[in-house]
Amino acid sequence: MLLLLILLVIIFRLYRKNREAQTELKRQYREIQEQQEEILVQSEELIESNSKLAYLNDELNRKNQEIELQSDKVLMANSSLEKEVNERTLQLNSAYRELETFFYRTSHDFRRPLTTFLGLVEVANHSVQDQQAISLFEKVRETTLALDKMLLKLQSIGSQELEAHARMNLHSLLASCEEKFAQELFAKGIRLHISCDDCLILVNHHLLLTILENLMENAITFSTPASPYIRLFAGLNDSGDVLQLQVEDNGQGIPPHIQPRIFDMYFRGSVNSLGNGLGLYIAKRAVEKLGGSIRCCSQLHKGSTFTVLIPHGQQEQ
């Protein structure tokens, strides 16, 4: 009986363990099925994602092809545009040179009869006794000189006879400018103060003198009767690679609203101006030909200062 009881206990335990094992096995089987279902769902999602990715790749390839095609078109258009711009630039440069030549030759031809007029006026002044006639001849002379002055400016706009750069002393350059305007300075009682470095510069004499003369003429034209003066400075910077010119006056000054236009061709800022509106324009053109810059600082009824900076090293090259 004892053995039978022990056997029954062993059988019962084995049966219970078997039941527990089956229960655990079923649980694991269910987990495996759930995991398989999740894997199946993930697999379907992955397949769908792969399908979408393939579609996106196809779209991306198509867009890249379109971009490449458009890029080729843009490159062709840019090449064509660049060629057209170069051709137009050459045409404009050619037209610009022709216009400059026209200015120079036309003004040069027009000056010939003016010289004849001036000669006839001088002859008339010595041969005619009538004071009224002499007065009329003097007015003809003044008008002819004014016209000749304007033609000289037009000639300087289109001058192709640009001298080679040569070394010269700054004092000599400023002295020649002072000598040209000595009579006008004396007539208006203008004191001229010249300050310059005692040095040699490599310069285009024609262009630099054109700049100085037009700035001086502007300062003289708009001077005031009360203690007028003009300060003229020329010198190199510390490194010697920039030439600075400065013309300062205590004249009428320039109203702020017209200062941006003072370098325009034929612009006259005052109704009282007797000039032709070319002086400052020509000065700026000459500065640009030398690769430099020009600026103006002015206060109404106090005066103006024009500063020119020209790269000296660039000229030497």
C-alpha atoms as a PDB file:
ATOM      1  CA  MET A   1       0.000   0.000   0.000  1.00  0.00           C
ATOM      2  CA  LEU A   2       2.855   2.298   0.848  1.00  0.00           C
ATOM      3  CA  LEU A   3       4.493   1.579  -2.454  1.00  0.00           C
ATOM      4  CA  LEU A   4       1.219   2.040  -4.240  1.00  0.00           C
ATOM      5  CA  LEU A   5       0.702   5.391  -2.467  1.00  0.00           C
ATOM      6  CA  ILE A   6       4.206   6.537  -3.404  1.00  0.00           C
ATOM      7  CA  LEU A   7       3.586   5.440  -6.972  1.00  0.00           C
ATOM      8  CA  LEU A   8       0.355   7.396  -7.095  1.00  0.00           C
ATOM      9  CA  VAL A   9       2.062  10.508  -5.722  1.00  0.00           C
ATOM     10  CA  ILE A  10       4.787  10.174  -8.354  1.00  0.00           C
ATOM     11  CA  ILE A  11       2.215   9.651 -11.096  1.00  0.00           C
ATOM     12  CA  PHE A  12       0.245  12.673  -9.873  1.00  0.00           C
ATOM     13  CA  ARG A  13       3.316  14.865  -9.864  1.00  0.00           C
ATOM     14  CA  LEU A  14       4.288  13.694 -13.290  1.00  0.00           C
ATOM     15  CA  TYR A  15       0.782  14.350 -14.521  1.00  0.00           C
ATOM     16  CA  ARG A  16       0.789  17.862 -13.012  1.00  0.00           C
ATOM     17  CA  LYS A  17       4.202  18.645 -14.499  1.00  0.00           C
ATOM     18  CA  ASN A  18       2.962  17.342 -17.817  1.00  0.00           C
ATOM     19  CA  ARG A  19      -0.075  19.601 -17.587  1.00  0.00           C
ATOM     20  CA  GLU A  20       2.102  22.588 -16.663  1.00  0.00           C
ATOM     21  CA  ALA A  21       4.457  21.760 -19.514  1.00  0.00           C
ATOM     22  CA  GLN A  22       1.557  21.559 -21.962  1.00  0.00           C
ATOM     23  CA  THR A  23       0.145  24.829 -20.643  1.00  0.00           C
ATOM     24  CA  GLU A  24       3.557  26.507 -21.030  1.00  0.00           C
ATOM     25  CA  LEU A  25       3.939  24.981 -24.472  1.00  0.00           C
ATOM     26  CA  LYS A  26       0.543  26.329 -25.525  1.00  0.00           C
ATOM     27  CA  ARG A  27       1.450  29.751 -24.150  1.00  0.00           C
ATOM     28  CA  GLN A  28       4.734  29.779 -26.024  1.00  0.00           C
ATOM     29  CA  TYR A  29       2.943  28.571 -29.143  1.00  0.00           C
ATOM     30  CA  ARG A  30       0.487  31.443 -28.845  1.00  0.00           C
ATOM     31  CA  GLU A  31       3.359  33.887 -28.384  1.00  0.00           C
ATOM     32  CA  ILE A  32       5.066  32.423 -31.432  1.00  0.00           C
ATOM     33  CA  GLN A  33       1.856  32.810 -33.423  1.00  0.00           C
ATOM     34  CA  GLU A  34       1.475  36.403 -32.241  1.00  0.00           C
ATOM     35  CA  GLN A  35       5.088  37.100 -33.161  1.00  0.00           C
ATOM     36  CA  GLN A  36       4.555  35.487 -36.547  1.00  0.00           C
ATOM     37  CA  GLU A  37       1.494  37.632 -37.091  1.00  0.00           C
ATOM     38  CA  GLU A  38       3.504  40.758 -36.106  1.00  0.00           C
ATOM     39  CA  ILE A  39       6.324  39.672 -38.406  1.00  0.00           C
ATOM     40  CA  LEU A  40       3.802  39.114 -41.160  1.00  0.00           C
ATOM     41  CA  VAL A  41       2.300  42.582 -40.595  1.00  0.00           C
ATOM     42  CA  GLN A  42       5.768  44.146 -40.486  1.00  0.00           C
ATOM     43  CA  SER A  43       6.709  42.231 -43.596  1.00  0.00           C
ATOM     44  CA  GLU A  44       3.654  43.596 -45.389  1.00  0.00           C
ATOM     45  CA  GLU A  45       4.461  47.099 -44.167  1.00  0.00           C
ATOM     46  CA  LEU A  46       8.064  46.623 -45.276  1.00  0.00           C
ATOM     47  CA  ILE A  47       6.917  45.453 -48.682  1.00  0.00           C
ATOM     48  CA  GLU A  48       4.606  48.456 -48.928  1.00  0.00           C
ATOM     49  CA  SER A  49       7.429  50.773 -47.818  1.00  0.00           C
ATOM     50  CA  ASN A  50       9.779  49.209 -50.331  1.00  0.00           C
ATOM     51  CA  SER A  51       7.140  49.699 -52.987  1.00  0.00           C
ATOM     52  CA  LYS A  52       6.752  53.356 -52.028  1.00  0.00           C
ATOM     53  CA  LEU A  53      10.533  53.751 -51.883  1.00  0.00           C
ATOM     54  CA  ALA A  54      10.877  52.258 -55.343  1.00  0.00           C
ATOM     55  CA  TYR A  55       8.206  54.642 -56.605  1.00  0.00           C
ATOM     56  CA  LEU A  56       9.981  57.576 -54.974  1.00  0.00           C
ATOM     57  CA  ASN A  57      13.265  56.447 -56.478  1.00  0.00           C
ATOM     58  CA  ASP A  58      11.659  56.341 -59.881  1.00  0.00           C
ATOM     59  CA  GLU A  59      10.222  59.823 -59.337  1.00  0.00           C
ATOM     60  CA  LEU A  60      13.591  61.054 -58.099  1.00  0.00           C
ATOM     61  CA  ASN A  61      15.347  59.620 -61.142  1.00  0.00           C
ATOM     62  CA  ARG A  62      12.773  61.221 -63.389  1.00  0.00           C
ATOM     63  CA  LYS A  63      13.173  64.583 -61.636  1.00  0.00           C
ATOM     64  CA  ASN A  64      16.968  64.273 -61.866  1.00  0.00           C
ATOM     65  CA  GLN A  65      16.675  63.634 -65.563  1.00  0.00           C
ATOM     66  CA  GLU A  66      14.408  66.663 -65.931  1.00  0.00           C
ATOM     67  CA  ILE A  67      16.867  68.754 -63.885  1.00  0.00           C
ATOM     68  CA  GLU A  68      19.769  67.570 -66.012  1.00  0.00           C
ATOM     69  CA  LEU A  69      17.798  68.417 -69.131  1.00  0.00           C
ATOM     70  CA  GLN A  70      16.914  71.861 -67.784  1.00  0.00           C
ATOM     71  CA  SER A  71      20.510  72.335 -66.657  1.00  0.00           C
ATOM     72  CA  ASP A  72      21.732  71.559 -70.170  1.00  0.00           C
ATOM     73  CA  LYS A  73      19.211  74.052 -71.538  1.00  0.00           C
ATOM     74  CA  VAL A  74      20.328  76.679 -69.010  1.00  0.00           C
ATOM     75  CA  LEU A  75      23.983  76.074 -69.878  1.00  0.00           C
ATOM     76  CA  MET A  76      23.196  76.420 -73.560  1.00  0.00           C
ATOM     77  CA  ALA A  77      21.159  79.568 -72.882  1.00  0.00           C
ATOM     78  CA  ASN A  78      23.954  81.006 -70.706  1.00  0.00           C
ATOM     79  CA  SER A  79      26.513  80.228 -73.363  1.00  0.00           C
ATOM     80  CA  SER A  80      24.357  81.843 -76.007  1.00  0.00           C
ATOM     81  CA  LEU A  81      23.653  84.824 -73.732  1.00  0.00           C
ATOM     82  CA  GLU A  82      27.324  85.239 -72.869  1.00  0.00           C
ATOM     83  CA  LYS A  83      28.213  85.152 -76.550  1.00  0.00           C
ATOM     84  CA  GLU A  84      25.502  87.699 -77.315  1.00  0.00           C
ATOM     85  CA  VAL A  85      26.647  89.927 -74.416  1.00  0.00           C
ATOM     86  CA  ASN A  86      30.233  89.774 -75.673  1.00  0.00           C
ATOM     87  CA  GLU A  87      29.106  90.647 -79.173  1.00  0.00           C
ATOM     88  CA  ARG A  88      26.983  93.528 -77.879  1.00  0.00           C
ATOM     89  CA  THR A  89      29.878  94.705 -75.717  1.00  0.00           C
ATOM     90  CA  LEU A  90      32.194  94.722 -78.714  1.00  0.00           C
ATOM     91  CA  GLN A  91      29.578  96.618 -80.717  1.00  0.00           C
ATOM     92  CA  LEU A  92      29.104  99.160 -77.908  1.00  0.00           C
ATOM     93  CA  ASN A  93      32.861  99.598 -77.508  1.00  0.00           C
ATOM     94  CA  SER A  94      33.189 100.097 -81.247  1.00  0.00           C
ATOM     95  CA  ALA A  95      30.315 102.611 -81.253  1.00  0.00           C
ATOM     96  CA  TYR A  96      31.842 104.337 -78.217  1.00  0.00           C
ATOM     97  CA  ARG A  97      35.207 104.694 -79.964  1.00  0.00           C
ATOM     98  CA  GLU A  98      33.494 105.958 -83.112  1.00  0.00           C
ATOM     99  CA  LEU A  99      31.572 108.500 -81.036  1.00  0.00           C
ATOM    100  CA  GLU A 100      34.744 109.679 -79.322  1.00  0.00           C
ATOM    101  CA  THR A 101      36.443 110.021 -82.695  1.00  0.00           C
ATOM    102  CA  PHE A 102      33.435 111.952 -83.974  1.00  0.00           C
ATOM    103  CA  PHE A 103      33.572 114.312 -80.979  1.00  0.00           C
ATOM    104  CA  TYR A 104      37.261 114.923 -81.432  1.00  0.00           C
ATOM    105  CA  ARG A 105      37.305 115.423 -85.194  1.00  0.00           C
ATOM    106  CA  THR A 106      34.095 117.462 -85.338  1.00  0.00           C
ATOM    107  CA  SER A 107      35.173 119.828 -82.561  1.00  0.00           C
ATOM    108  CA  HIS A 108      38.609 120.076 -84.161  1.00  0.00           C
ATOM    109  CA  ASP A 109      37.073 120.993 -87.527  1.00  0.00           C
ATOM    110  CA  PHE A 110      34.707 123.506 -85.947  1.00  0.00           C
ATOM    111  CA  ARG A 111      37.596 125.295 -84.231  1.00  0.00           C
ATOM    112  CA  ARG A 112      39.232 126.211 -87.536  1.00  0.00           C
ATOM    113  CA  PRO A 113      36.677 128.862 -88.592  1.00  0.00           C
ATOM    114  CA  LEU A 114      36.649 130.187 -85.019  1.00  0.00           C
ATOM    115  CA  THR A 115      40.357 130.859 -85.273  1.00  0.00           C
ATOM    116  CA  THR A 116      39.645 132.763 -88.481  1.00  0.00           C
ATOM    117  CA  PHE A 117      36.938 134.781 -86.691  1.00  0.00           C
ATOM    118  CA  LEU A 118      39.352 135.708 -83.905  1.00  0.00           C
ATOM    119  CA  GLY A 119      41.933 136.779 -86.467  1.00  0.00           C
ATOM    120  CA  LEU A 120      39.397 138.939 -88.284  1.00  0.00           C
ATOM    121  CA  VAL A 121      38.354 140.539 -84.994  1.00  0.00           C
ATOM    122  CA  GLU A 122      41.971 141.449 -84.215  1.00  0.00           C
ATOM    123  CA  VAL A 123      42.374 142.951 -87.695  1.00  0.00           C
ATOM    124  CA  ALA A 124      39.124 144.907 -87.277  1.00  0.00           C
ATOM    125  CA  ASN A 125      40.224 146.289 -83.900  1.00  0.00           C
ATOM    126  CA  HIS A 126      43.307 147.784 -85.545  1.00  0.00           C
ATOM    127  CA  SER A 127      41.642 149.033 -88.724  1.00  0.00           C
ATOM    128  CA  VAL A 128      38.212 150.306 -87.605  1.00  0.00           C
ATOM    129  CA  GLN A 129      37.924 153.642 -85.796  1.00  0.00           C
ATOM    130  CA  ASP A 130      34.215 153.542 -84.944  1.00  0.00           C
ATOM    131  CA  GLN A 131      33.875 152.780 -81.222  1.00  0.00           C
ATOM    132  CA  GLN A 132      30.462 151.176 -81.657  1.00  0.00           C
ATOM    133  CA  ALA A 133      31.855 148.822 -84.277  1.00  0.00           C
ATOM    134  CA  ILE A 134      34.844 148.046 -82.052  1.00  0.00           C
ATOM    135  CA  SER A 135      32.426 147.247 -79.204  1.00  0.00           C
ATOM    136  CA  LEU A 136      30.479 144.898 -81.457  1.00  0.00           C
ATOM    137  CA  PHE A 137      33.683 143.214 -82.590  1.00  0.00           C
ATOM    138  CA  GLU A 138      34.663 142.711 -78.936  1.00  0.00           C
ATOM    139  CA  LYS A 139      31.349 140.980 -78.274  1.00  0.00           C
ATOM    140  CA  VAL A 140      31.974 138.784 -81.318  1.00  0.00           C
ATOM    141  CA  ARG A 141      35.394 137.994 -79.871  1.00  0.00           C
ATOM    142  CA  GLU A 142      33.946 137.072 -76.447  1.00  0.00           C
ATOM    143  CA  THR A 143      31.268 134.895 -78.042  1.00  0.00           C
ATOM    144  CA  THR A 144      33.843 133.190 -80.256  1.00  0.00           C
ATOM    145  CA  LEU A 145      36.130 132.518 -77.291  1.00  0.00           C
ATOM    146  CA  ALA A 146      33.211 131.015 -75.336  1.00  0.00           C
ATOM    147  CA  LEU A 147      32.348 128.772 -78.266  1.00  0.00           C
ATOM    148  CA  ASP A 148      35.997 127.805 -78.679  1.00  0.00           C
ATOM    149  CA  LYS A 149      36.144 126.956 -74.994  1.00  0.00           C
ATOM    150  CA  MET A 150      33.137 124.642 -75.328  1.00  0.00           C
ATOM    151  CA  LEU A 151      34.636 122.974 -78.413  1.00  0.00           C
ATOM    152  CA  LEU A 152      37.862 122.373 -76.513  1.00  0.00           C
ATOM    153  CA  LYS A 153      35.848 120.555 -73.864  1.00  0.00           C
ATOM    154  CA  LEU A 154      34.053 118.474 -76.466  1.00  0.00           C
ATOM    155  CA  GLN A 155      37.415 117.729 -78.005  1.00  0.00           C
ATOM    156  CA  SER A 156      38.753 116.538 -74.666  1.00  0.00           C
ATOM    157  CA  ILE A 157      35.770 114.153 -74.320  1.00  0.00           C
ATOM    158  CA  GLY A 158      36.569 112.392 -77.548  1.00  0.00           C
ATOM    159  CA  SER A 159      40.300 112.851 -77.660  1.00  0.00           C
ATOM    160  CA  GLN A 160      42.040 109.705 -78.825  1.00  0.00           C
ATOM    161  CA  GLU A 161      45.475 111.309 -78.606  1.00  0.00           C
ATOM    162  CA  LEU A 162      46.202 110.085 -75.097  1.00  0.00           C
ATOM    163  CA  GLU A 163      49.827 110.634 -74.261  1.00  0.00           C
ATOM    164  CA  ALA A 164      51.983 107.879 -72.899  1.00  0.00           C
ATOM    165  CA  HIS A 165      52.645 107.980 -69.178  1.00  0.00           C
ATOM    166  CA  ALA A 166      55.759 110.007 -68.426  1.00  0.00           C
ATOM    167  CA  ARG A 167      57.499 111.124 -65.284  1.00  0.00           C
ATOM    168  CA  MET A 168      57.052 114.730 -64.282  1.00  0.00           C
ATOM    169  CA  ASN A 169      57.249 116.887 -61.169  1.00  0.00           C
ATOM    170  CA  LEU A 170      54.015 117.723 -59.340  1.00  0.00           C
ATOM    171  CA  HIS A 171      55.148 121.328 -58.905  1.00  0.00           C
ATOM    172  CA  SER A 172      55.437 121.753 -62.683  1.00  0.00           C
ATOM    173  CA  LEU A 173      51.967 120.328 -63.211  1.00  0.00           C
ATOM    174  CA  LEU A 174      50.315 122.648 -60.700  1.00  0.00           C
ATOM    175  CA  ALA A 175      52.356 125.630 -61.868  1.00  0.00           C
ATOM    176  CA  SER A 176      51.089 125.190 -65.442  1.00  0.00           C
ATOM    177  CA  CYS A 177      47.529 125.093 -64.124  1.00  0.00           C
ATOM    178  CA  GLU A 178      48.142 128.275 -62.077  1.00  0.00           C
ATOM    179  CA  GLU A 179      49.610 130.024 -65.090  1.00  0.00           C
ATOM    180  CA  LYS A 180      46.590 129.221 -67.263  1.00  0.00           C
ATOM    181  CA  PHE A 181      44.117 130.750 -64.798  1.00  0.00           C
ATOM    182  CA  ALA A 182      46.313 133.603 -63.537  1.00  0.00           C
ATOM    183  CA  GLN A 183      44.303 136.294 -65.316  1.00  0.00           C
ATOM    184  CA  GLU A 184      40.921 135.024 -64.063  1.00  0.00           C
ATOM    185  CA  LEU A 185      42.246 134.600 -60.524  1.00  0.00           C
ATOM    186  CA  PHE A 186      43.559 138.172 -60.547  1.00  0.00           C
ATOM    187  CA  ALA A 187      40.328 139.572 -62.035  1.00  0.00           C
ATOM    188  CA  LYS A 188      38.231 138.025 -59.261  1.00  0.00           C
ATOM    189  CA  GLY A 189      40.737 138.629 -56.477  1.00  0.00           C
ATOM    190  CA  ILE A 190      40.994 134.927 -55.662  1.00  0.00           C
ATOM    191  CA  ARG A 191      43.930 133.846 -53.510  1.00  0.00           C
ATOM    192  CA  LEU A 192      45.401 130.549 -54.718  1.00  0.00           C
ATOM    193  CA  HIS A 193      47.198 128.381 -52.169  1.00  0.00           C
ATOM    194  CA  ILE A 194      49.213 125.535 -53.674  1.00  0.00           C
ATOM    195  CA  SER A 195      50.549 122.679 -51.591  1.00  0.00           C
ATOM    196  CA  CYS A 196      52.144 119.629 -53.170  1.00  0.00           C
ATOM    197  CA  ASP A 197      54.770 116.978 -52.554  1.00  0.00           C
ATOM    198  CA  ASP A 198      58.122 117.566 -54.171  1.00  0.00           C
ATOM    199  CA  CYS A 199      58.206 114.300 -56.077  1.00  0.00           C
ATOM    200  CA  LEU A 200      58.162 112.790 -59.548  1.00  0.00           C
ATOM    201  CA  ILE A 201      55.046 110.975 -60.678  1.00  0.00           C
ATOM    202  CA  LEU A 202      54.352 108.667 -63.577  1.00  0.00           C
ATOM    203  CA  VAL A 203      51.306 110.282 -65.118  1.00  0.00           C
ATOM    204  CA  ASN A 204      49.336 110.933 -68.269  1.00  0.00           C
ATOM    205  CA  HIS A 205      49.931 114.671 -68.464  1.00  0.00           C
ATOM    206  CA  HIS A 206      46.963 115.356 -70.765  1.00  0.00           C
ATOM    207  CA  LEU A 207      44.373 113.611 -68.589  1.00  0.00           C
ATOM    208  CA  LEU A 208      45.683 114.882 -65.259  1.00  0.00           C
ATOM    209  CA  LEU A 209      45.830 118.463 -66.520  1.00  0.00           C
ATOM    210  CA  THR A 210      42.276 118.071 -67.856  1.00  0.00           C
ATOM    211  CA  ILE A 211      41.110 117.084 -64.369  1.00  0.00           C
ATOM    212  CA  LEU A 212      42.887 119.974 -62.641  1.00  0.00           C
ATOM    213  CA  GLU A 213      41.796 122.607 -65.160  1.00  0.00           C
ATOM    214  CA  ASN A 214      38.121 121.659 -65.029  1.00  0.00           C
ATOM    215  CA  LEU A 215      38.066 121.553 -61.219  1.00  0.00           C
ATOM    216  CA  MET A 216      39.886 124.904 -61.069  1.00  0.00           C
ATOM    217  CA  GLU A 217      37.478 126.431 -63.598  1.00  0.00           C
ATOM    218  CA  ASN A 218      34.517 125.213 -61.535  1.00  0.00           C
ATOM    219  CA  ALA A 219      35.979 126.720 -58.340  1.00  0.00           C
ATOM    220  CA  ILE A 220      36.642 130.064 -60.065  1.00  0.00           C
ATOM    221  CA  THR A 221      33.186 130.199 -61.679  1.00  0.00           C
ATOM    222  CA  PHE A 222      31.340 129.723 -58.390  1.00  0.00           C
ATOM    223  CA  SER A 223      33.600 131.838 -56.184  1.00  0.00           C
ATOM    224  CA  THR A 224      32.153 134.573 -53.968  1.00  0.00           C
ATOM    225  CA  PRO A 225      33.269 138.226 -53.763  1.00  0.00           C
ATOM    226  CA  ALA A 226      34.050 138.056 -50.046  1.00  0.00           C
ATOM    227  CA  SER A 227      37.716 137.003 -49.580  1.00  0.00           C
ATOM    228  CA  PRO A 228      37.650 134.168 -52.111  1.00  0.00           C
ATOM    229  CA  TYR A 229      40.354 131.532 -52.040  1.00  0.00           C
ATOM    230  CA  ILE A 230      41.184 128.217 -53.675  1.00  0.00           C
ATOM    231  CA  ARG A 231      43.428 125.601 -52.079  1.00  0.00           C
ATOM    232  CA  LEU A 232      45.082 123.180 -54.460  1.00  0.00           C
ATOM    233  CA  PHE A 233      46.834 120.080 -53.095  1.00  0.00           C
ATOM    234  CA  ALA A 234      48.600 117.226 -54.875  1.00  0.00           C
ATOM    235  CA  GLY A 235      50.646 114.392 -53.424  1.00  0.00           C
ATOM    236  CA  LEU A 236      51.185 110.671 -53.009  1.00  0.00           C
ATOM    237  CA  ASN A 237      50.005 108.611 -50.062  1.00  0.00           C
ATOM    238  CA  ASP A 238      52.478 107.033 -47.634  1.00  0.00           C
ATOM    239  CA  SER A 239      52.877 103.869 -49.712  1.00  0.00           C
ATOM    240  CA  GLY A 240      53.300 105.867 -52.907  1.00  0.00           C
ATOM    241  CA  ASP A 241      50.694 103.922 -54.859  1.00  0.00           C
ATOM    242  CA  VAL A 242      47.868 106.513 -54.858  1.00  0.00           C
ATOM    243  CA  LEU A 243      48.009 110.063 -56.223  1.00  0.00           C
ATOM    244  CA  GLN A 244      45.658 112.460 -54.428  1.00  0.00           C
ATOM    245  CA  LEU A 245      44.425 115.742 -55.887  1.00  0.00           C
ATOM    246  CA  GLN A 246      42.262 118.126 -53.902  1.00  0.00           C
ATOM    247  CA  VAL A 247      40.637 121.406 -54.941  1.00  0.00           C
ATOM    248  CA  GLU A 248      38.988 123.339 -52.086  1.00  0.00           C
ATOM    249  CA  ASP A 249      37.166 126.664 -52.301  1.00  0.00           C
ATOM    250  CA  ASN A 250      34.999 128.906 -50.120  1.00  0.00           C
ATOM    251  CA  GLY A 251      32.545 129.655 -52.908  1.00  0.00           C
ATOM    252  CA  GLN A 252      28.803 129.341 -53.297  1.00  0.00           C
ATOM    253  CA  GLY A 253      28.648 125.650 -52.441  1.00  0.00           C
ATOM    254  CA  ILE A 254      26.308 123.062 -53.926  1.00  0.00           C
ATOM    255  CA  PRO A 255      22.747 122.430 -52.640  1.00  0.00           C
ATOM    256  CA  PRO A 256      22.400 118.877 -51.268  1.00  0.00           C
ATOM    257  CA  HIS A 257      19.527 117.947 -53.594  1.00  0.00           C
ATOM    258  CA  ILE A 258      21.607 118.459 -56.760  1.00  0.00           C
ATOM    259  CA  GLN A 259      24.931 117.036 -55.543  1.00  0.00           C
ATOM    260  CA  PRO A 260      24.229 113.532 -56.974  1.00  0.00           C
ATOM    261  CA  ARG A 261      23.857 115.074 -60.461  1.00  0.00           C
ATOM    262  CA  ILE A 262      26.829 117.425 -60.656  1.00  0.00           C
ATOM    263  CA  PHE A 263      28.892 114.981 -62.741  1.00  0.00           C
ATOM    264  CA  ASP A 264      26.141 114.494 -65.350  1.00  0.00           C
ATOM    265  CA  MET A 265      26.723 115.728 -68.877  1.00  0.00           C
ATOM    266  CA  TYR A 266      25.314 119.214 -69.570  1.00  0.00           C
ATOM    267  CA  PHE A 267      23.987 119.539 -66.013  1.00  0.00           C
ATOM    268  CA  ARG A 268      24.043 123.083 -64.665  1.00  0.00           C
ATOM    269  CA  GLY A 269      23.083 123.400 -61.039  1.00  0.00           C
ATOM    270  CA  SER A 270      22.395 127.128 -61.136  1.00  0.00           C
ATOM    271  CA  VAL A 271      20.505 129.382 -63.525  1.00  0.00           C
ATOM    272  CA  ASN A 272      23.304 131.891 -62.999  1.00  0.00           C
ATOM    273  CA  SER A 273      25.894 129.483 -64.342  1.00  0.00           C
ATOM    274  CA  LEU A 274      27.501 130.685 -67.560  1.00  0.00           C
ATOM    275  CA  GLY A 275      29.151 127.329 -68.268  1.00  0.00           C
ATOM    276  CA  ASN A 276      27.968 124.571 -70.564  1.00  0.00           C
ATOM    277  CA  GLY A 277      27.617 121.820 -67.955  1.00  0.00           C
ATOM    278  CA  LEU A 278      30.581 119.803 -69.233  1.00  0.00           C
ATOM    279  CA  GLY A 279      33.417 120.672 -66.830  1.00  0.00           C
ATOM    280  CA  LEU A 280      32.757 118.221 -63.998  1.00  0.00           C
ATOM    281  CA  TYR A 281      31.575 115.562 -66.428  1.00  0.00           C
ATOM    282  CA  ILE A 282      34.862 115.784 -68.336  1.00  0.00           C
ATOM    283  CA  ALA A 283      36.846 115.717 -65.077  1.00  0.00           C
ATOM    284  CA  LYS A 284      35.068 112.537 -64.019  1.00  0.00           C
ATOM    285  CA  ARG A 285      35.624 110.936 -67.432  1.00  0.00           C
ATOM    286  CA  ALA A 286      39.335 111.693 -67.237  1.00  0.00           C
ATOM    287  CA  VAL A 287      39.508 110.264 -63.692  1.00  0.00           C
ATOM    288  CA  GLU A 288      37.782 107.075 -64.846  1.00  0.00           C
ATOM    289  CA  LYS A 289      40.217 106.705 -67.749  1.00  0.00           C
ATOM    290  CA  LEU A 290      43.016 106.728 -65.171  1.00  0.00           C
ATOM    291  CA  GLY A 291      41.204 104.097 -63.076  1.00  0.00           C
ATOM    292  CA  GLY A 292      40.578 106.495 -60.202  1.00  0.00           C
ATOM    293  CA  SER A 293      37.671 107.994 -58.287  1.00  0.00           C
ATOM    294  CA  ILE A 294      36.353 111.483 -57.597  1.00  0.00           C
ATOM    295  CA  ARG A 295      34.087 112.716 -54.805  1.00  0.00           C
ATOM    296  CA  CYS A 296      32.669 116.032 -53.715  1.00  0.00           C
ATOM    297  CA  CYS A 297      31.979 117.403 -50.247  1.00  0.00           C
ATOM    298  CA  SER A 298      30.067 120.671 -50.295  1.00  0.00           C
ATOM    299  CA  GLN A 299      28.063 122.959 -48.027  1.00  0.00           C
ATOM    300  CA  LEU A 300      25.799 125.662 -49.375  1.00  0.00           C
ATOM    301  CA  HIS A 301      27.310 129.172 -48.990  1.00  0.00           C
ATOM    302  CA  LYS A 302      30.439 127.684 -47.406  1.00  0.00           C
ATOM    303  CA  GLY A 303      32.315 126.092 -50.274  1.00  0.00           C
ATOM    304  CA  SER A 304      33.201 122.779 -51.897  1.00  0.00           C
ATOM    305  CA  THR A 305      36.055 120.292 -51.816  1.00  0.00           C
ATOM    306  CA  PHE A 306      36.721 117.907 -54.696  1.00  0.00           C
ATOM    307  CA  THR A 307      39.013 114.973 -53.977  1.00  0.00           C
ATOM    308  CA  VAL A 308      40.511 112.784 -56.699  1.00  0.00           C
ATOM    309  CA  LEU A 309      42.277 109.485 -56.001  1.00  0.00           C
ATOM    310  CA  ILE A 310      44.278 107.879 -58.817  1.00  0.00           C
ATOM    311  CA  PRO A 311      46.111 104.548 -58.438  1.00  0.00           C
ATOM    312  CA  HIS A 312      49.695 105.505 -59.209  1.00  0.00           C
ATOM    313  CA  GLY A 313      51.030 101.967 -59.371  1.00  0.00           C
ATOM    314  CA  GLN A 314      48.352 100.953 -61.883  1.00  0.00           C
ATOM    315  CA  GLN A 315      49.445 103.769 -64.189  1.00  0.00           C
ATOM    316  CA  GLU A 316      53.053 102.554 -64.069  1.00  0.00           C
ATOM    317  CA  GLN A 317      51.962  99.064 -65.031  1.00  0.00           C
END
